[in-house]
Amino acid sequence: MPPFRQLKDQEVADLLNHVLTAFAKSKAKPIAAAEVKAQRARAFSPQEVLRSRPPVK
């Protein structure tokens, strides 16, 4: 999946919030642009990403 570097932090947050509410029917707290910025600053290895995802049951 492309990293979406061309999108601003707020645009990524808006996209994620749309997916969470429209498709997952999530009642979670909305994702803020500051959270996107903080995560973008971290460098994840492919192994870290895999470990962060819960297995499908």
N, C-alpha and C. Protein backbone atom coordinates (compact mmCIF):
# COMPACT_ATOMS: atom_id res chain seq x y z
N MET A 1 0.84 -1.17 0.00
CA MET A 1 0.00 0.00 0.00
C MET A 1 0.89 1.23 0.00
N PRO A 2 0.58 2.24 -0.79
CA PRO A 2 1.41 3.44 -0.81
C PRO A 2 1.33 4.19 0.52
N PRO A 3 2.37 4.94 0.86
CA PRO A 3 2.39 5.62 2.16
C PRO A 3 1.51 6.86 2.25
N PHE A 4 0.93 7.29 1.16
CA PHE A 4 0.07 8.48 1.16
C PHE A 4 0.78 9.73 1.65
N ARG A 5 2.04 9.86 1.30
CA ARG A 5 2.81 11.04 1.72
C ARG A 5 2.24 12.33 1.15
N GLN A 6 1.51 12.23 0.05
CA GLN A 6 0.97 13.43 -0.56
C GLN A 6 -0.21 13.99 0.22
N LEU A 7 -0.79 13.18 1.12
CA LEU A 7 -1.91 13.64 1.92
C LEU A 7 -1.41 14.31 3.20
N LYS A 8 -2.11 15.37 3.59
CA LYS A 8 -1.79 16.05 4.85
C LYS A 8 -2.28 15.19 6.01
N ASP A 9 -1.74 15.47 7.20
CA ASP A 9 -2.12 14.71 8.39
C ASP A 9 -3.63 14.74 8.61
N GLN A 10 -4.25 15.89 8.43
CA GLN A 10 -5.70 16.00 8.64
C GLN A 10 -6.46 15.18 7.60
N GLU A 11 -5.97 15.14 6.39
CA GLU A 11 -6.62 14.35 5.34
C GLU A 11 -6.57 12.86 5.66
N VAL A 12 -5.44 12.41 6.18
CA VAL A 12 -5.31 11.00 6.56
C VAL A 12 -6.26 10.70 7.73
N ALA A 13 -6.29 11.59 8.71
CA ALA A 13 -7.19 11.40 9.86
C ALA A 13 -8.64 11.35 9.38
N ASP A 14 -9.01 12.24 8.48
CA ASP A 14 -10.38 12.25 7.95
C ASP A 14 -10.71 10.94 7.24
N LEU A 15 -9.78 10.45 6.45
CA LEU A 15 -9.98 9.19 5.72
C LEU A 15 -10.14 8.03 6.69
N LEU A 16 -9.26 7.95 7.68
CA LEU A 16 -9.35 6.87 8.67
C LEU A 16 -10.66 6.93 9.44
N ASN A 17 -11.06 8.12 9.83
CA ASN A 17 -12.32 8.27 10.56
C ASN A 17 -13.52 7.87 9.71
N HIS A 18 -13.47 8.19 8.44
CA HIS A 18 -14.55 7.79 7.54
C HIS A 18 -14.64 6.26 7.45
N VAL A 19 -13.51 5.62 7.27
CA VAL A 19 -13.50 4.16 7.18
C VAL A 19 -14.00 3.53 8.48
N LEU A 20 -13.55 4.06 9.60
CA LEU A 20 -13.97 3.51 10.90
C LEU A 20 -15.47 3.63 11.11
N THR A 21 -16.05 4.74 10.72
CA THR A 21 -17.48 4.94 10.97
C THR A 21 -18.35 4.35 9.87
N ALA A 22 -17.94 4.45 8.63
CA ALA A 22 -18.78 3.99 7.52
C ALA A 22 -18.76 2.48 7.35
N PHE A 23 -17.62 1.87 7.54
CA PHE A 23 -17.50 0.45 7.26
C PHE A 23 -17.40 -0.41 8.52
N ALA A 24 -16.71 0.09 9.52
CA ALA A 24 -16.53 -0.70 10.74
C ALA A 24 -17.57 -0.36 11.81
N LYS A 25 -18.36 0.68 11.57
CA LYS A 25 -19.37 1.12 12.54
C LYS A 25 -18.77 1.30 13.93
N SER A 26 -17.55 1.85 13.95
CA SER A 26 -16.81 2.02 15.19
C SER A 26 -17.36 3.18 16.01
N LYS A 27 -17.37 2.98 17.31
CA LYS A 27 -17.75 4.04 18.25
C LYS A 27 -16.52 4.60 18.95
N ALA A 28 -15.35 4.29 18.41
CA ALA A 28 -14.09 4.74 19.01
C ALA A 28 -13.93 6.25 18.86
N LYS A 29 -13.09 6.80 19.72
CA LYS A 29 -12.77 8.22 19.65
C LYS A 29 -12.15 8.51 18.27
N PRO A 30 -12.55 9.60 17.62
CA PRO A 30 -11.99 9.92 16.30
C PRO A 30 -10.47 10.10 16.36
N ILE A 31 -9.83 9.76 15.27
CA ILE A 31 -8.38 9.92 15.15
C ILE A 31 -8.09 11.38 14.81
N ALA A 32 -7.14 11.97 15.52
CA ALA A 32 -6.78 13.37 15.32
C ALA A 32 -5.56 13.48 14.40
N ALA A 33 -5.44 14.63 13.76
CA ALA A 33 -4.29 14.88 12.89
C ALA A 33 -2.98 14.77 13.65
N ALA A 34 -2.97 15.16 14.92
CA ALA A 34 -1.75 15.06 15.74
C ALA A 34 -1.33 13.61 15.92
N GLU A 35 -2.30 12.71 16.03
CA GLU A 35 -1.98 11.28 16.15
C GLU A 35 -1.36 10.75 14.86
N VAL A 36 -1.88 11.19 13.73
CA VAL A 36 -1.31 10.78 12.43
C VAL A 36 0.12 11.28 12.33
N LYS A 37 0.33 12.53 12.71
CA LYS A 37 1.68 13.11 12.64
C LYS A 37 2.65 12.32 13.51
N ALA A 38 2.23 11.96 14.71
CA ALA A 38 3.11 11.22 15.62
C ALA A 38 3.45 9.85 15.05
N GLN A 39 2.48 9.17 14.45
CA GLN A 39 2.74 7.86 13.89
C GLN A 39 3.61 7.93 12.64
N ARG A 40 3.43 8.98 11.86
CA ARG A 40 4.27 9.16 10.67
C ARG A 40 5.73 9.38 11.05
N ALA A 41 5.96 9.93 12.22
CA ALA A 41 7.34 10.19 12.67
C ALA A 41 8.06 8.91 13.07
N ARG A 42 7.31 7.86 13.36
CA ARG A 42 7.90 6.57 13.74
C ARG A 42 8.24 5.77 12.49
N ALA A 43 9.33 5.06 12.56
CA ALA A 43 9.71 4.17 11.47
C ALA A 43 9.40 2.74 11.89
N PHE A 44 8.45 2.12 11.22
CA PHE A 44 8.06 0.75 11.52
C PHE A 44 8.72 -0.20 10.53
N SER A 45 9.23 -1.29 11.04
CA SER A 45 9.72 -2.35 10.16
C SER A 45 8.51 -3.19 9.75
N PRO A 46 8.61 -3.93 8.66
CA PRO A 46 7.50 -4.82 8.29
C PRO A 46 7.14 -5.80 9.41
N GLN A 47 8.13 -6.25 10.15
CA GLN A 47 7.88 -7.18 11.25
C GLN A 47 7.08 -6.51 12.37
N GLU A 48 7.38 -5.25 12.66
CA GLU A 48 6.63 -4.53 13.70
C GLU A 48 5.18 -4.34 13.29
N VAL A 49 4.95 -4.03 12.04
CA VAL A 49 3.58 -3.87 11.57
C VAL A 49 2.82 -5.18 11.71
N LEU A 50 3.44 -6.26 11.31
CA LEU A 50 2.81 -7.58 11.42
C LEU A 50 2.48 -7.91 12.88
N ARG A 51 3.40 -7.65 13.81
CA ARG A 51 3.15 -7.93 15.22
C ARG A 51 2.03 -7.07 15.79
N SER A 52 1.84 -5.87 15.24
CA SER A 52 0.84 -4.95 15.78
C SER A 52 -0.58 -5.31 15.36
N ARG A 53 -0.72 -6.19 14.37
CA ARG A 53 -2.05 -6.56 13.88
C ARG A 53 -2.51 -7.84 14.55
N PRO A 54 -3.69 -7.83 15.14
CA PRO A 54 -4.18 -9.05 15.77
C PRO A 54 -4.51 -10.10 14.72
N PRO A 55 -4.34 -11.36 15.05
CA PRO A 55 -4.65 -12.41 14.08
C PRO A 55 -6.16 -12.50 13.83
N VAL A 56 -6.54 -12.90 12.66
CA VAL A 56 -7.94 -13.09 12.30
C VAL A 56 -8.37 -14.45 12.83
N LYS A 57 -9.50 -14.48 13.47
CA LYS A 57 -9.99 -15.75 14.04
C LYS A 57 -11.17 -16.25 13.28
